[in-house]
Protein backbone atom coordinates (compact mmCIF):
# COMPACT_ATOMS: atom_id res chain seq x y z
CA MET A 1 0.02 0.13 -0.10
CA ARG A 2 2.48 2.58 0.79
CA LYS A 3 5.02 1.30 -2.23
CA ARG A 4 1.56 2.19 -4.43
CA ARG A 5 0.95 5.05 -2.69
CA ARG A 6 4.72 6.44 -3.05
CA ASN A 7 4.59 5.59 -6.83
CA LEU A 8 1.37 7.52 -7.05
CA ILE A 9 3.13 10.71 -5.27
CA ILE A 10 6.32 10.22 -7.89
CA TRP A 11 3.96 10.19 -11.11
CA LEU A 12 1.69 13.28 -9.54
CA VAL A 13 5.29 14.83 -9.46
CA ILE A 14 6.62 13.71 -12.62
CA ALA A 15 2.59 15.22 -14.23
CA ALA A 16 2.73 18.44 -12.58
CA VAL A 17 6.71 18.94 -13.75
CA VAL A 18 5.49 18.41 -17.31
CA ILE A 19 2.61 20.71 -17.26
CA ILE A 20 4.16 23.65 -15.66
CA GLY A 21 6.88 23.18 -18.06
CA GLY A 22 4.70 23.15 -20.86
CA ILE A 23 3.16 26.63 -19.71
CA VAL A 24 6.65 27.64 -19.42
CA GLY A 25 7.47 26.94 -22.29
CA PHE A 26 4.22 27.93 -24.14
CA ALA A 27 4.38 31.25 -22.37
CA HIS A 28 8.35 31.64 -23.77
CA HIS A 29 7.60 30.94 -27.12
CA ARG A 30 4.43 33.76 -27.19
CA SER A 31 7.11 35.69 -25.84
CA GLN A 32 9.27 34.86 -28.54
CA GLN A 33 6.59 35.75 -31.08
CA ALA A 34 5.51 38.89 -29.40
CA LYS A 35 9.36 40.00 -29.55
CA THR A 36 9.62 39.49 -33.20
CA VAL A 37 8.62 42.47 -35.42
CA THR A 38 7.89 42.13 -39.32
CA VAL A 39 8.50 45.67 -40.88
CA GLY A 40 7.25 46.34 -44.16
CA VAL A 41 9.57 48.36 -46.90
CA VAL A 42 9.58 49.05 -50.56
CA ALA A 43 12.60 48.52 -53.09
CA LEU A 44 15.38 47.99 -50.36
CA SER A 45 18.36 49.14 -51.86
CA ASN A 46 21.88 47.40 -50.99
CA ASP A 47 22.94 50.42 -49.17
CA ASP A 48 19.52 50.41 -47.21
CA GLU A 49 19.93 46.85 -46.36
CA LYS A 50 23.32 47.60 -44.63
CA ILE A 51 21.23 50.17 -42.43
CA TRP A 52 18.68 48.04 -41.32
CA ASN A 53 20.99 45.81 -40.43
CA GLN A 54 22.56 47.99 -38.22
CA VAL A 55 18.75 48.63 -36.74
CA GLU A 56 18.33 44.70 -36.43
CA LYS A 57 21.48 44.69 -34.20
CA THR A 58 20.25 47.32 -31.75
CA ALA A 59 17.24 46.00 -31.83
CA LYS A 60 18.14 42.50 -30.88
CA ASP A 61 21.42 42.93 -28.57
CA LYS A 62 19.74 46.34 -26.93
CA TYR A 63 15.93 45.18 -26.58
CA GLY A 64 15.55 41.18 -27.52
CA VAL A 65 13.39 42.39 -30.29
CA THR A 66 13.82 40.28 -33.39
CA ILE A 67 13.24 42.75 -36.83
CA LYS A 68 12.32 40.98 -40.00
CA LEU A 69 11.68 42.84 -42.99
CA LYS A 70 9.40 42.41 -45.84
CA ASN A 71 10.13 44.00 -48.82
CA PHE A 72 7.75 45.03 -51.36
CA THR A 73 8.11 46.27 -55.12
CA ASP A 74 5.86 49.31 -55.28
CA TYR A 75 4.10 51.92 -52.79
CA ASN A 76 0.69 50.48 -52.99
CA GLN A 77 1.13 47.21 -51.18
CA PRO A 78 2.28 48.03 -47.45
CA ASN A 79 -0.52 49.92 -46.19
CA LYS A 80 -2.31 47.42 -47.04
CA ALA A 81 -0.28 44.69 -45.38
CA LEU A 82 -0.11 46.50 -42.19
CA LYS A 83 -3.90 47.23 -42.10
CA ASN A 84 -4.64 43.12 -42.77
CA GLY A 85 -1.73 42.24 -40.04
CA ASP A 86 0.44 40.69 -42.88
CA VAL A 87 2.93 42.61 -41.70
CA ASP A 88 3.36 44.86 -37.93
CA LEU A 89 5.01 47.92 -38.81
CA ASN A 90 6.15 49.30 -42.13
CA ALA A 91 8.72 52.21 -42.89
CA PHE A 92 8.39 53.64 -46.50
CA GLN A 93 6.40 56.51 -46.53
CA HIS A 94 5.97 60.44 -45.65
CA GLN A 95 3.13 62.02 -43.29
CA ALA A 96 1.67 63.60 -46.14
CA PHE A 97 1.30 60.11 -48.14
CA LEU A 98 -0.41 58.06 -44.89
CA ASP A 99 -3.14 61.04 -44.44
CA ALA A 100 -3.81 60.43 -48.23
CA TRP A 101 -3.93 56.44 -48.05
CA ASN A 102 -5.88 56.64 -44.78
CA LYS A 103 -8.58 58.94 -45.95
CA ALA A 104 -8.53 56.59 -49.14
CA ASN A 105 -9.20 53.50 -48.07
CA HIS A 106 -10.99 54.56 -44.60
CA GLY A 107 -7.62 53.24 -42.55
CA ASN A 108 -6.43 54.21 -38.85
CA LEU A 109 -2.65 54.12 -39.24
CA VAL A 110 -0.83 56.47 -37.54
CA SER A 111 3.25 57.14 -37.34
CA ILE A 112 5.03 55.99 -33.90
CA GLY A 113 8.52 57.62 -35.12
CA LYS A 114 10.26 59.79 -38.19
CA THR A 115 13.19 58.20 -40.05
CA ILE A 116 14.37 60.68 -42.51
CA ILE A 117 14.07 63.16 -44.93
CA ALA A 118 14.88 62.62 -48.63
CA PRO A 119 14.27 65.39 -51.13
CA ILE A 120 13.29 64.17 -54.17
CA ARG A 121 15.09 65.55 -57.61
CA LEU A 122 13.92 66.93 -60.96
CA TYR A 123 15.79 64.59 -63.28
CA SER A 124 16.70 64.84 -67.20
CA LYS A 125 18.29 62.88 -69.52
CA LYS A 126 18.71 65.36 -72.13
CA TYR A 127 19.21 68.75 -70.41
CA HIS A 128 21.70 69.68 -67.63
CA ASN A 129 19.89 72.75 -66.64
CA ILE A 130 15.90 73.79 -65.43
CA LYS A 131 16.56 76.87 -67.69
CA ASP A 132 17.04 74.50 -70.73
CA LEU A 133 14.04 72.92 -70.51
CA PRO A 134 12.37 74.31 -73.86
CA ASP A 135 8.54 75.47 -74.09
CA GLY A 136 6.20 72.71 -74.48
CA ALA A 137 8.60 70.16 -72.27
CA THR A 138 6.72 67.05 -71.36
CA ILE A 139 7.58 66.21 -67.19
CA ALA A 140 6.77 63.14 -65.57
CA VAL A 141 5.41 62.98 -62.05
CA PRO A 142 3.90 60.78 -59.62
CA ASN A 143 0.25 59.73 -59.92
CA ASP A 144 -0.56 58.64 -56.29
CA ALA A 145 -1.91 61.92 -54.62
CA SER A 146 0.45 62.93 -52.44
CA ASN A 147 3.55 62.23 -54.20
CA GLU A 148 1.78 63.80 -57.16
CA SER A 149 1.22 67.06 -54.80
CA ARG A 150 4.78 67.13 -53.76
CA ALA A 151 5.88 66.84 -57.49
CA LEU A 152 4.00 69.63 -58.35
CA TYR A 153 4.97 71.81 -55.14
CA VAL A 154 8.75 71.16 -56.34
CA LEU A 155 8.13 72.63 -60.14
CA LYS A 156 6.37 75.56 -58.16
CA ASN A 157 9.44 76.13 -55.65
CA ALA A 158 11.75 75.89 -59.33
CA GLY A 159 9.43 78.59 -60.58
CA LEU A 160 7.99 76.45 -63.73
CA ILE A 161 4.50 76.75 -62.80
CA THR A 162 2.19 78.84 -59.99
CA PHE A 163 -1.16 77.58 -57.93
CA LYS A 164 -4.18 78.99 -57.72
CA LYS A 165 -5.21 80.97 -54.54
CA GLY A 166 -6.25 78.51 -51.99
CA THR A 167 -4.61 75.57 -52.98
CA GLY A 168 -3.95 72.88 -50.17
CA LYS A 169 -1.03 70.88 -49.14
CA LEU A 170 -2.50 68.00 -51.60
CA ALA A 171 -2.06 69.89 -54.74
CA THR A 172 -3.11 68.78 -58.19
CA VAL A 173 -2.91 69.47 -62.16
CA ALA A 174 -6.34 70.98 -61.85
CA ASP A 175 -4.84 73.75 -59.00
CA ILE A 176 -2.44 74.69 -61.75
CA ASP A 177 -2.85 78.60 -62.57
CA LYS A 178 -0.39 79.87 -64.31
CA ASN A 179 1.75 77.52 -66.72
CA PRO A 180 3.67 79.82 -68.91
CA HIS A 181 6.13 77.29 -70.52
CA ASN A 182 2.76 75.15 -71.29
CA LEU A 183 4.65 72.48 -69.65
CA LYS A 184 2.91 69.17 -70.27
CA ILE A 185 2.43 67.26 -66.71
CA LYS A 186 2.49 63.36 -67.35
CA GLU A 187 1.47 61.67 -64.48
CA LEU A 188 2.75 58.30 -64.17
CA SER A 189 2.82 55.43 -61.50
CA ALA A 190 5.96 56.36 -59.05
CA ASP A 191 8.03 53.33 -59.96
CA GLN A 192 7.73 54.36 -63.63
CA CYS A 193 8.86 58.55 -63.70
CA ALA A 194 12.49 56.98 -63.67
CA ARG A 195 11.86 54.55 -66.65
CA ALA A 196 10.38 57.30 -68.17
CA LEU A 197 13.41 59.58 -68.27
CA ASN A 198 14.09 58.52 -71.91
CA ASP A 199 11.17 59.24 -73.49
CA VAL A 200 10.40 62.15 -71.79
CA ASP A 201 12.63 66.10 -71.11
CA ALA A 202 12.26 65.80 -66.96
CA ALA A 203 10.94 63.44 -64.13
CA VAL A 204 10.36 64.48 -60.58
CA VAL A 205 11.82 60.82 -59.21
CA ASN A 206 11.67 59.64 -55.33
CA ASN A 207 14.62 58.26 -54.26
CA THR A 208 12.83 54.85 -53.51
CA TYR A 209 13.63 54.72 -57.06
CA ALA A 210 16.24 56.95 -58.27
CA VAL A 211 18.68 54.59 -56.48
CA PRO A 212 18.23 51.34 -58.32
CA ALA A 213 17.53 53.40 -61.38
CA LYS A 214 21.19 54.67 -61.04
CA LEU A 215 20.11 58.09 -61.60
CA THR A 216 22.79 60.38 -60.82
CA LYS A 217 24.02 63.74 -59.69
CA LYS A 218 25.04 64.89 -63.19
CA GLN A 219 21.30 64.17 -64.14
CA VAL A 220 19.73 66.23 -61.48
CA ILE A 221 18.83 69.88 -62.44
CA TYR A 222 16.81 70.76 -59.66
CA THR A 223 16.42 69.74 -55.75
CA GLU A 224 13.53 70.18 -53.52
CA PRO A 225 14.64 72.83 -50.60
CA VAL A 226 14.11 71.23 -47.27
CA ASN A 227 12.92 73.63 -44.77
CA LYS A 228 9.58 74.19 -42.34
CA ASP A 229 7.00 73.22 -45.20
CA SER A 230 8.84 70.01 -45.17
CA GLU A 231 7.39 68.62 -42.27
CA GLN A 232 5.02 66.44 -44.44
CA TRP A 233 7.53 64.63 -46.37
CA ILE A 234 9.54 63.34 -43.18
CA ASN A 235 9.62 59.73 -43.16
CA ILE A 236 7.69 57.94 -40.69
CA ILE A 237 7.49 54.47 -38.93
CA VAL A 238 3.66 53.46 -39.53
CA ALA A 239 1.94 51.04 -36.67
CA ASN A 240 -2.10 50.22 -36.76
CA LYS A 241 -3.82 52.88 -34.03
CA LYS A 242 -4.32 50.42 -31.79
CA ASP A 243 -0.84 48.95 -31.85
CA LYS A 244 1.11 52.08 -31.32
CA ASN A 245 2.12 51.54 -28.03
CA LYS A 246 3.34 48.23 -28.27
CA GLN A 247 6.97 48.25 -26.40
CA ALA A 248 8.18 46.17 -28.94
CA TYR A 249 7.22 48.76 -31.39
CA LYS A 250 8.62 51.64 -29.77
CA ASP A 251 11.93 49.57 -29.38
CA VAL A 252 12.16 49.06 -33.23
CA VAL A 253 12.08 53.32 -33.41
CA LYS A 254 14.28 53.42 -30.77
CA ALA A 255 17.10 51.06 -32.29
CA TYR A 256 16.24 53.06 -35.33
CA GLN A 257 17.25 56.73 -34.12
CA THR A 258 20.35 56.11 -33.10
CA THR A 259 23.94 57.71 -33.87
CA GLN A 260 24.88 54.78 -35.80
CA VAL A 261 22.17 54.97 -38.17
CA LYS A 262 22.48 58.83 -38.18
CA LYS A 263 26.70 57.78 -39.72
CA LEU A 264 25.19 55.18 -41.94
CA TYR A 265 23.34 57.54 -43.91
CA GLN A 266 26.00 60.20 -44.01
CA LYS A 267 28.21 57.50 -45.04
CA TYR A 268 25.82 55.97 -47.88
CA TYR A 269 23.64 58.82 -48.70
CA GLY A 270 25.50 61.86 -48.08
CA ASP A 271 22.92 65.40 -48.81
CA THR A 272 20.43 62.64 -50.57
CA GLN A 273 19.00 61.29 -47.49
CA ARG A 274 19.13 62.54 -43.92
CA THR A 275 18.01 61.60 -40.62
CA ALA A 276 15.07 63.24 -39.27
CA TRP A 277 14.40 62.61 -35.94
CA ASP A 278 16.03 65.69 -34.54
CA LEU A 279 16.12 68.05 -37.98
CA ASN A 280 15.12 71.46 -36.98
CA LEU A 281 13.46 72.75 -39.73
CA LYS A 282 12.98 76.60 -40.64
């Protein structure tokens, strides 16, 4: 009887250990899952990968967060993926683009941290100076709401067009008041503007696509100025609103906003992309 009771106690202890071990293991597995953050990016270049490698290292070493990147080919995909839960965060867009996307798609995505500002440029393979553009020149611009507006503001700041009184942040071709050189504005998908340079006189190209297209400084005929008006063009890390306070997501932002990352941007991009979390715009 005593032997049977002792065996029962032993088996009960073993069962308890197995159950507790299973609970601990499950909790650890869930904890590990919570510490893995998938970030959507667009058209990642080799230099971008090196910068994200540093972010990943800091996130892992300092905060215990594993970052996984999901690379998309165009601007239309990452916000849908975030809204649907296919990624946890994304890092590819500026505030104006996010505002326009939320409005058009009934989205509830929010910025949780600033990354960089990348002044966009007017490129040409036919002309070396903006003053050389002929009357009737064709200029390609991105056709999504925010980037088209940004491109048109570039043309405005360059003195090529003016806007009607009361034009807001999201300008369209319909807002053009004066076009003294009778420029023809060709609206294309953002990823097509660089490719169109062989067929148009000039094109406003986002850096995301200028780098892989191997466009050079010699082909730049005008650069967007960076000032107080540029705030809406600062790139951001974005989350679903309900997740904006998740600690792991905040840790990703902190891992990005470091001196090491700032130095890597200076090394690889010089003045073409500037870190913006501590930028003093005037």
